[in-house]
C-alpha atoms as a PDB file:
ATOM      1  CA  MET A   1     184.327  43.118  45.392  1.00  0.00           C
ATOM      2  CA  LYS A   2     181.139  42.157  43.587  1.00  0.00           C
ATOM      3  CA  LYS A   3     180.836  38.635  42.269  1.00  0.00           C
ATOM      4  CA  VAL A   4     179.471  36.788  39.235  1.00  0.00           C
ATOM      5  CA  LEU A   5     176.411  34.571  39.605  1.00  0.00           C
ATOM      6  CA  ILE A   6     176.334  31.386  37.512  1.00  0.00           C
ATOM      7  CA  VAL A   7     172.861  29.955  36.892  1.00  0.00           C
ATOM      8  CA  LEU A   8     172.778  26.170  36.519  1.00  0.00           C
ATOM      9  CA  THR A   9     170.203  23.482  35.839  1.00  0.00           C
ATOM     10  CA  ASN A  10     168.867  20.745  38.116  1.00  0.00           C
ATOM     11  CA  HIS A  11     167.317  18.821  35.227  1.00  0.00           C
ATOM     12  CA  GLY A  12     169.115  15.603  34.353  1.00  0.00           C
ATOM     13  CA  VAL A  13     166.906  13.679  31.904  1.00  0.00           C
ATOM     14  CA  LEU A  14     166.611  14.304  28.161  1.00  0.00           C
ATOM     15  CA  GLY A  15     162.837  14.205  27.900  1.00  0.00           C
ATOM     16  CA  ALA A  16     161.153  10.976  26.831  1.00  0.00           C
ATOM     17  CA  SER A  17     164.486   9.551  25.658  1.00  0.00           C
ATOM     18  CA  GLY A  18     165.332   8.764  29.282  1.00  0.00           C
ATOM     19  CA  LYS A  19     168.986   9.589  28.581  1.00  0.00           C
ATOM     20  CA  ARG A  20     171.029  11.601  31.039  1.00  0.00           C
ATOM     21  CA  THR A  21     171.660  15.278  30.427  1.00  0.00           C
ATOM     22  CA  GLY A  22     172.336  18.383  32.514  1.00  0.00           C
ATOM     23  CA  CYS A  23     174.920  21.155  32.301  1.00  0.00           C
ATOM     24  CA  TYR A  24     177.502  20.979  29.509  1.00  0.00           C
ATOM     25  CA  LEU A  25     180.774  20.862  31.430  1.00  0.00           C
ATOM     26  CA  SER A  26     183.078  22.989  29.253  1.00  0.00           C
ATOM     27  CA  GLU A  27     180.458  25.747  29.030  1.00  0.00           C
ATOM     28  CA  LEU A  28     180.823  26.043  32.789  1.00  0.00           C
ATOM     29  CA  THR A  29     184.528  25.348  33.311  1.00  0.00           C
ATOM     30  CA  HIS A  30     185.903  27.479  30.477  1.00  0.00           C
ATOM     31  CA  PHE A  31     183.888  30.493  31.592  1.00  0.00           C
ATOM     32  CA  TYR A  32     184.764  29.883  35.232  1.00  0.00           C
ATOM     33  CA  SER A  33     188.467  29.535  34.430  1.00  0.00           C
ATOM     34  CA  THR A  34     188.590  32.744  32.391  1.00  0.00           C
ATOM     35  CA  LEU A  35     186.888  34.877  35.033  1.00  0.00           C
ATOM     36  CA  LYS A  36     188.809  33.310  37.894  1.00  0.00           C
ATOM     37  CA  LYS A  37     192.095  34.216  36.197  1.00  0.00           C
ATOM     38  CA  VAL A  38     191.166  37.913  36.210  1.00  0.00           C
ATOM     39  CA  GLY A  39     190.089  37.850  39.852  1.00  0.00           C
ATOM     40  CA  PHE A  40     186.326  37.364  39.904  1.00  0.00           C
ATOM     41  CA  ALA A  41     184.669  35.220  42.557  1.00  0.00           C
ATOM     42  CA  MET A  42     181.659  33.182  41.452  1.00  0.00           C
ATOM     43  CA  ASP A  43     178.648  31.549  43.095  1.00  0.00           C
ATOM     44  CA  PHE A  44     176.344  28.851  41.720  1.00  0.00           C
ATOM     45  CA  VAL A  45     172.563  28.972  41.857  1.00  0.00           C
ATOM     46  CA  SER A  46     169.944  26.594  40.462  1.00  0.00           C
ATOM     47  CA  PRO A  47     166.130  26.394  40.562  1.00  0.00           C
ATOM     48  CA  LYS A  48     166.054  23.852  43.409  1.00  0.00           C
ATOM     49  CA  GLY A  49     169.551  24.309  44.811  1.00  0.00           C
ATOM     50  CA  GLY A  50     171.771  21.378  45.650  1.00  0.00           C
ATOM     51  CA  GLU A  51     173.389  19.080  43.100  1.00  0.00           C
ATOM     52  CA  VAL A  52     173.863  20.096  39.483  1.00  0.00           C
ATOM     53  CA  PRO A  53     173.840  17.210  36.966  1.00  0.00           C
ATOM     54  CA  ILE A  54     176.561  17.207  34.320  1.00  0.00           C
ATOM     55  CA  ASP A  55     175.799  15.886  30.843  1.00  0.00           C
ATOM     56  CA  PRO A  56     177.901  12.697  30.603  1.00  0.00           C
ATOM     57  CA  ARG A  57     178.641  13.422  26.942  1.00  0.00           C
ATOM     58  CA  SER A  58     180.429  16.592  28.022  1.00  0.00           C
ATOM     59  CA  MET A  59     182.768  14.883  30.508  1.00  0.00           C
ATOM     60  CA  ASP A  60     185.849  15.239  28.321  1.00  0.00           C
ATOM     61  CA  MET A  61     188.831  14.700  30.595  1.00  0.00           C
ATOM     62  CA  ASN A  62     191.235  15.277  27.699  1.00  0.00           C
ATOM     63  CA  ASP A  63     190.188  18.887  28.085  1.00  0.00           C
ATOM     64  CA  GLU A  64     192.736  20.193  30.589  1.00  0.00           C
ATOM     65  CA  ILE A  65     190.382  22.807  32.020  1.00  0.00           C
ATOM     66  CA  ASN A  66     187.610  20.254  32.563  1.00  0.00           C
ATOM     67  CA  LYS A  67     190.063  17.844  34.197  1.00  0.00           C
ATOM     68  CA  ALA A  68     191.509  20.490  36.511  1.00  0.00           C
ATOM     69  CA  PHE A  69     188.131  21.582  37.825  1.00  0.00           C
ATOM     70  CA  MET A  70     186.759  18.064  38.194  1.00  0.00           C
ATOM     71  CA  GLU A  71     189.725  17.437  40.493  1.00  0.00           C
ATOM     72  CA  ASP A  72     189.151  20.700  42.408  1.00  0.00           C
ATOM     73  CA  SER A  73     187.338  20.007  45.701  1.00  0.00           C
ATOM     74  CA  GLU A  74     186.096  23.592  46.088  1.00  0.00           C
ATOM     75  CA  PHE A  75     184.586  23.584  42.587  1.00  0.00           C
ATOM     76  CA  LEU A  76     182.983  20.158  43.107  1.00  0.00           C
ATOM     77  CA  SER A  77     181.500  21.309  46.401  1.00  0.00           C
ATOM     78  CA  LYS A  78     179.857  24.234  44.603  1.00  0.00           C
ATOM     79  CA  LEU A  79     178.393  21.838  42.022  1.00  0.00           C
ATOM     80  CA  ARG A  80     176.935  19.629  44.754  1.00  0.00           C
ATOM     81  CA  ASN A  81     175.654  22.497  46.868  1.00  0.00           C
ATOM     82  CA  SER A  82     174.362  25.181  44.531  1.00  0.00           C
ATOM     83  CA  ARG A  83     172.246  27.882  46.161  1.00  0.00           C
ATOM     84  CA  THR A  84     168.517  28.324  45.780  1.00  0.00           C
ATOM     85  CA  PRO A  85     167.254  31.641  44.350  1.00  0.00           C
ATOM     86  CA  ASP A  86     166.026  32.784  47.780  1.00  0.00           C
ATOM     87  CA  GLN A  87     169.566  32.395  49.139  1.00  0.00           C
ATOM     88  CA  VAL A  88     170.927  34.908  46.619  1.00  0.00           C
ATOM     89  CA  ARG A  89     171.069  38.700  46.997  1.00  0.00           C
ATOM     90  CA  SER A  90     171.296  40.272  43.566  1.00  0.00           C
ATOM     91  CA  ALA A  91     173.087  43.360  44.926  1.00  0.00           C
ATOM     92  CA  GLU A  92     176.197  41.228  45.525  1.00  0.00           C
ATOM     93  CA  TYR A  93     176.670  40.501  41.825  1.00  0.00           C
ATOM     94  CA  ILE A  94     177.997  42.492  38.891  1.00  0.00           C
ATOM     95  CA  ALA A  95     177.153  39.849  36.280  1.00  0.00           C
ATOM     96  CA  VAL A  96     175.090  36.715  35.719  1.00  0.00           C
ATOM     97  CA  TYR A  97     175.977  33.837  33.384  1.00  0.00           C
ATOM     98  CA  TYR A  98     173.909  30.930  32.052  1.00  0.00           C
ATOM     99  CA  PRO A  99     175.892  27.958  30.669  1.00  0.00           C
ATOM    100  CA  GLY A 100     174.068  25.437  28.517  1.00  0.00           C
ATOM    101  CA  GLY A 101     173.615  21.741  28.155  1.00  0.00           C
ATOM    102  CA  HIS A 102     170.131  20.464  27.384  1.00  0.00           C
ATOM    103  CA  GLY A 103     168.990  20.549  31.022  1.00  0.00           C
ATOM    104  CA  PRO A 104     168.175  24.303  30.998  1.00  0.00           C
ATOM    105  CA  MET A 105     165.545  23.732  28.293  1.00  0.00           C
ATOM    106  CA  TRP A 106     163.319  22.199  30.986  1.00  0.00           C
ATOM    107  CA  ASP A 107     163.905  24.215  34.147  1.00  0.00           C
ATOM    108  CA  LEU A 108     165.324  27.600  33.155  1.00  0.00           C
ATOM    109  CA  ALA A 109     162.966  28.520  30.315  1.00  0.00           C
ATOM    110  CA  ASP A 110     160.247  29.807  32.648  1.00  0.00           C
ATOM    111  CA  ASN A 111     161.839  30.163  36.081  1.00  0.00           C
ATOM    112  CA  ALA A 112     160.397  33.352  37.558  1.00  0.00           C
ATOM    113  CA  ALA A 113     162.718  33.618  40.581  1.00  0.00           C
ATOM    114  CA  LEU A 114     165.889  33.385  38.503  1.00  0.00           C
ATOM    115  CA  ALA A 115     164.425  35.799  35.956  1.00  0.00           C
ATOM    116  CA  VAL A 116     163.916  38.362  38.718  1.00  0.00           C
ATOM    117  CA  LEU A 117     167.503  37.977  39.948  1.00  0.00           C
ATOM    118  CA  THR A 118     168.761  38.424  36.388  1.00  0.00           C
ATOM    119  CA  ARG A 119     166.626  41.534  35.896  1.00  0.00           C
ATOM    120  CA  GLU A 120     167.880  43.056  39.146  1.00  0.00           C
ATOM    121  CA  ILE A 121     171.526  42.408  38.255  1.00  0.00           C
ATOM    122  CA  TYR A 122     171.036  43.848  34.761  1.00  0.00           C
ATOM    123  CA  GLU A 123     169.181  46.942  35.972  1.00  0.00           C
ATOM    124  CA  ASN A 124     171.933  47.546  38.516  1.00  0.00           C
ATOM    125  CA  ASN A 125     174.294  48.081  35.570  1.00  0.00           C
ATOM    126  CA  GLY A 126     175.386  44.444  35.500  1.00  0.00           C
ATOM    127  CA  VAL A 127     176.224  42.189  32.580  1.00  0.00           C
ATOM    128  CA  VAL A 128     174.024  39.283  31.463  1.00  0.00           C
ATOM    129  CA  SER A 129     175.690  36.517  29.470  1.00  0.00           C
ATOM    130  CA  ALA A 130     174.717  33.045  28.284  1.00  0.00           C
ATOM    131  CA  VAL A 131     175.872  30.376  25.880  1.00  0.00           C
ATOM    132  CA  CYS A 132     174.246  27.623  23.807  1.00  0.00           C
ATOM    133  CA  HIS A 133     171.061  26.282  25.475  1.00  0.00           C
ATOM    134  CA  GLY A 134     171.757  28.519  28.475  1.00  0.00           C
ATOM    135  CA  VAL A 135     170.341  31.416  26.456  1.00  0.00           C
ATOM    136  CA  VAL A 136     166.901  29.891  27.158  1.00  0.00           C
ATOM    137  CA  GLY A 137     167.199  31.328  30.676  1.00  0.00           C
ATOM    138  CA  LEU A 138     166.939  34.853  29.253  1.00  0.00           C
ATOM    139  CA  LEU A 139     163.527  34.242  27.659  1.00  0.00           C
ATOM    140  CA  PRO A 140     161.474  34.861  30.852  1.00  0.00           C
ATOM    141  CA  VAL A 141     163.439  37.954  31.976  1.00  0.00           C
ATOM    142  CA  MET A 142     161.137  40.976  32.076  1.00  0.00           C
ATOM    143  CA  LEU A 143     162.471  44.447  32.822  1.00  0.00           C
ATOM    144  CA  SER A 144     160.841  46.931  35.198  1.00  0.00           C
ATOM    145  CA  ASN A 145     159.298  48.694  32.197  1.00  0.00           C
ATOM    146  CA  LYS A 146     157.418  45.434  31.472  1.00  0.00           C
ATOM    147  CA  LYS A 147     159.423  44.776  28.310  1.00  0.00           C
ATOM    148  CA  PRO A 148     161.333  41.515  27.775  1.00  0.00           C
ATOM    149  CA  LEU A 149     165.093  41.829  28.246  1.00  0.00           C
ATOM    150  CA  LEU A 150     165.601  40.416  24.741  1.00  0.00           C
ATOM    151  CA  GLU A 151     162.928  42.477  22.979  1.00  0.00           C
ATOM    152  CA  GLU A 152     165.315  44.908  21.322  1.00  0.00           C
ATOM    153  CA  LYS A 153     168.487  42.811  21.530  1.00  0.00           C
ATOM    154  CA  ARG A 154     170.483  40.956  18.911  1.00  0.00           C
ATOM    155  CA  VAL A 155     171.144  37.477  20.279  1.00  0.00           C
ATOM    156  CA  THR A 156     172.359  34.045  19.314  1.00  0.00           C
ATOM    157  CA  GLY A 157     171.968  30.576  20.794  1.00  0.00           C
ATOM    158  CA  PHE A 158     171.963  26.918  19.778  1.00  0.00           C
ATOM    159  CA  SER A 159     170.486  26.798  16.281  1.00  0.00           C
ATOM    160  CA  ASN A 160     167.772  24.510  14.948  1.00  0.00           C
ATOM    161  CA  MET A 161     170.266  22.989  12.524  1.00  0.00           C
ATOM    162  CA  GLU A 162     172.712  22.247  15.334  1.00  0.00           C
ATOM    163  CA  GLU A 163     169.902  20.614  17.331  1.00  0.00           C
ATOM    164  CA  LYS A 164     169.096  18.379  14.371  1.00  0.00           C
ATOM    165  CA  LEU A 165     172.749  17.518  13.830  1.00  0.00           C
ATOM    166  CA  VAL A 166     173.134  16.308  17.428  1.00  0.00           C
ATOM    167  CA  ARG A 167     169.828  14.428  17.026  1.00  0.00           C
ATOM    168  CA  LYS A 168     168.159  15.997  20.034  1.00  0.00           C
ATOM    169  CA  ASP A 169     165.481  17.966  18.167  1.00  0.00           C
ATOM    170  CA  LYS A 170     162.807  15.335  18.823  1.00  0.00           C
ATOM    171  CA  TRP A 171     163.531  15.221  22.566  1.00  0.00           C
ATOM    172  CA  VAL A 172     163.697  18.890  23.575  1.00  0.00           C
ATOM    173  CA  PRO A 173     160.440  20.612  24.622  1.00  0.00           C
ATOM    174  CA  PHE A 174     160.933  23.261  21.909  1.00  0.00           C
ATOM    175  CA  LEU A 175     163.628  24.567  19.571  1.00  0.00           C
ATOM    176  CA  LEU A 176     165.675  27.404  21.048  1.00  0.00           C
ATOM    177  CA  GLU A 177     166.306  29.261  17.790  1.00  0.00           C
ATOM    178  CA  THR A 178     162.572  29.319  17.055  1.00  0.00           C
ATOM    179  CA  ALA A 179     161.792  30.680  20.525  1.00  0.00           C
ATOM    180  CA  LEU A 180     164.492  33.342  20.269  1.00  0.00           C
ATOM    181  CA  ARG A 181     163.244  34.495  16.877  1.00  0.00           C
ATOM    182  CA  LYS A 182     159.836  35.116  18.459  1.00  0.00           C
ATOM    183  CA  LYS A 183     161.117  36.885  21.590  1.00  0.00           C
ATOM    184  CA  ALA A 184     164.347  38.705  20.691  1.00  0.00           C
ATOM    185  CA  GLY A 185     164.904  41.760  18.542  1.00  0.00           C
ATOM    186  CA  LYS A 186     166.969  39.718  16.109  1.00  0.00           C
ATOM    187  CA  TYR A 187     168.384  36.211  16.193  1.00  0.00           C
ATOM    188  CA  VAL A 188     171.687  35.724  14.349  1.00  0.00           C
ATOM    189  CA  LYS A 189     173.904  32.695  13.837  1.00  0.00           C
ATOM    190  CA  HIS A 190     177.076  31.542  12.108  1.00  0.00           C
ATOM    191  CA  LEU A 191     176.637  30.343   8.554  1.00  0.00           C
ATOM    192  CA  LEU A 192     178.210  27.020   9.540  1.00  0.00           C
ATOM    193  CA  PRO A 193     176.930  24.962  12.505  1.00  0.00           C
ATOM    194  CA  GLY A 194     179.387  24.302  15.299  1.00  0.00           C
ATOM    195  CA  PHE A 195     181.563  27.349  14.671  1.00  0.00           C
ATOM    196  CA  SER A 196     182.113  29.910  17.426  1.00  0.00           C
ATOM    197  CA  HIS A 197     179.704  32.831  17.205  1.00  0.00           C
ATOM    198  CA  VAL A 198     179.196  35.491  19.876  1.00  0.00           C
ATOM    199  CA  VAL A 199     176.928  38.527  19.923  1.00  0.00           C
ATOM    200  CA  ALA A 200     177.354  41.418  22.363  1.00  0.00           C
ATOM    201  CA  ASP A 201     174.495  43.927  22.424  1.00  0.00           C
ATOM    202  CA  GLY A 202     174.937  46.465  25.171  1.00  0.00           C
ATOM    203  CA  ARG A 203     175.371  44.528  28.417  1.00  0.00           C
ATOM    204  CA  VAL A 204     173.907  41.297  27.022  1.00  0.00           C
ATOM    205  CA  VAL A 205     176.354  38.694  25.658  1.00  0.00           C
ATOM    206  CA  THR A 206     175.233  35.456  24.009  1.00  0.00           C
ATOM    207  CA  GLY A 207     177.114  32.584  22.375  1.00  0.00           C
ATOM    208  CA  GLN A 208     175.767  30.075  19.874  1.00  0.00           C
ATOM    209  CA  ASN A 209     177.346  26.778  20.939  1.00  0.00           C
ATOM    210  CA  PRO A 210     179.988  25.196  23.208  1.00  0.00           C
ATOM    211  CA  ASN A 211     182.817  26.484  20.994  1.00  0.00           C
ATOM    212  CA  SER A 212     181.659  30.026  21.757  1.00  0.00           C
ATOM    213  CA  THR A 213     182.189  29.792  25.526  1.00  0.00           C
ATOM    214  CA  LYS A 214     185.684  31.261  25.800  1.00  0.00           C
ATOM    215  CA  LYS A 215     184.754  34.295  23.701  1.00  0.00           C
ATOM    216  CA  VAL A 216     181.570  34.816  25.738  1.00  0.00           C
ATOM    217  CA  ALA A 217     183.758  34.876  28.848  1.00  0.00           C
ATOM    218  CA  LEU A 218     186.208  37.337  27.303  1.00  0.00           C
ATOM    219  CA  GLU A 219     183.386  39.619  26.123  1.00  0.00           C
ATOM    220  CA  THR A 220     181.854  39.505  29.595  1.00  0.00           C
ATOM    221  CA  VAL A 221     185.167  40.558  31.144  1.00  0.00           C
ATOM    222  CA  ARG A 222     185.641  43.316  28.563  1.00  0.00           C
ATOM    223  CA  ILE A 223     182.222  44.805  29.246  1.00  0.00           C
ATOM    224  CA  LEU A 224     182.672  44.533  33.013  1.00  0.00           C
ATOM    225  CA  GLN A 225     185.934  46.442  32.720  1.00  0.00           C
ATOM    226  CA  ASP A 226     184.260  49.103  30.581  1.00  0.00           C
ATOM    227  CA  VAL A 227     181.401  49.468  33.080  1.00  0.00           C
ATOM    228  CA  ALA A 228     183.884  49.841  35.940  1.00  0.00           C
ATOM    229  CA  ARG A 229     185.701  52.740  34.273  1.00  0.00           C
END
């Protein structure tokens, strides 16, 4: 059975603020939980391999899914020992997923090795999905025809307004919505910040913010089931 590859960040500092950041926990755990329930195995990869930092502001242990996985030794081992891109064979995977958190804005926005893996999975009829700041990892993905993956796609991702509301706009290296508007076919967002918003365009699924994670997971499963038919 083919697996799902989850692309994670190694970056743990919010720019010049010096504050800790990393992967946003629920954007990982809620996706992981949904796909695990329907029988998919998942592997973790990051630019440097090894430990994946978790944004401390996302460590909500009142969230039952977060709590369950942070007490799961197998899951924690994956977080501490993520693979490097050269340890991954794209042919083993039917989908790739990028969760957010602010960390990806630094080390996934231009990572060539991960972009190649994503292209290979996509061109092998796989699904590409991402949520919130994780959508930044799709920006460098170039297809074999030399066109960007997002060039003709409708996408969403963390909006400029949402970045301002969480007061991180002055710390990030650039604003994701602005970058997506330049690179993608069309950027779309919910009228109200913070509300779940998911866009599926072909085999590319993107979610706007943390509240969109569960629906991104469900859309990913739906498309995988359609592809398998």
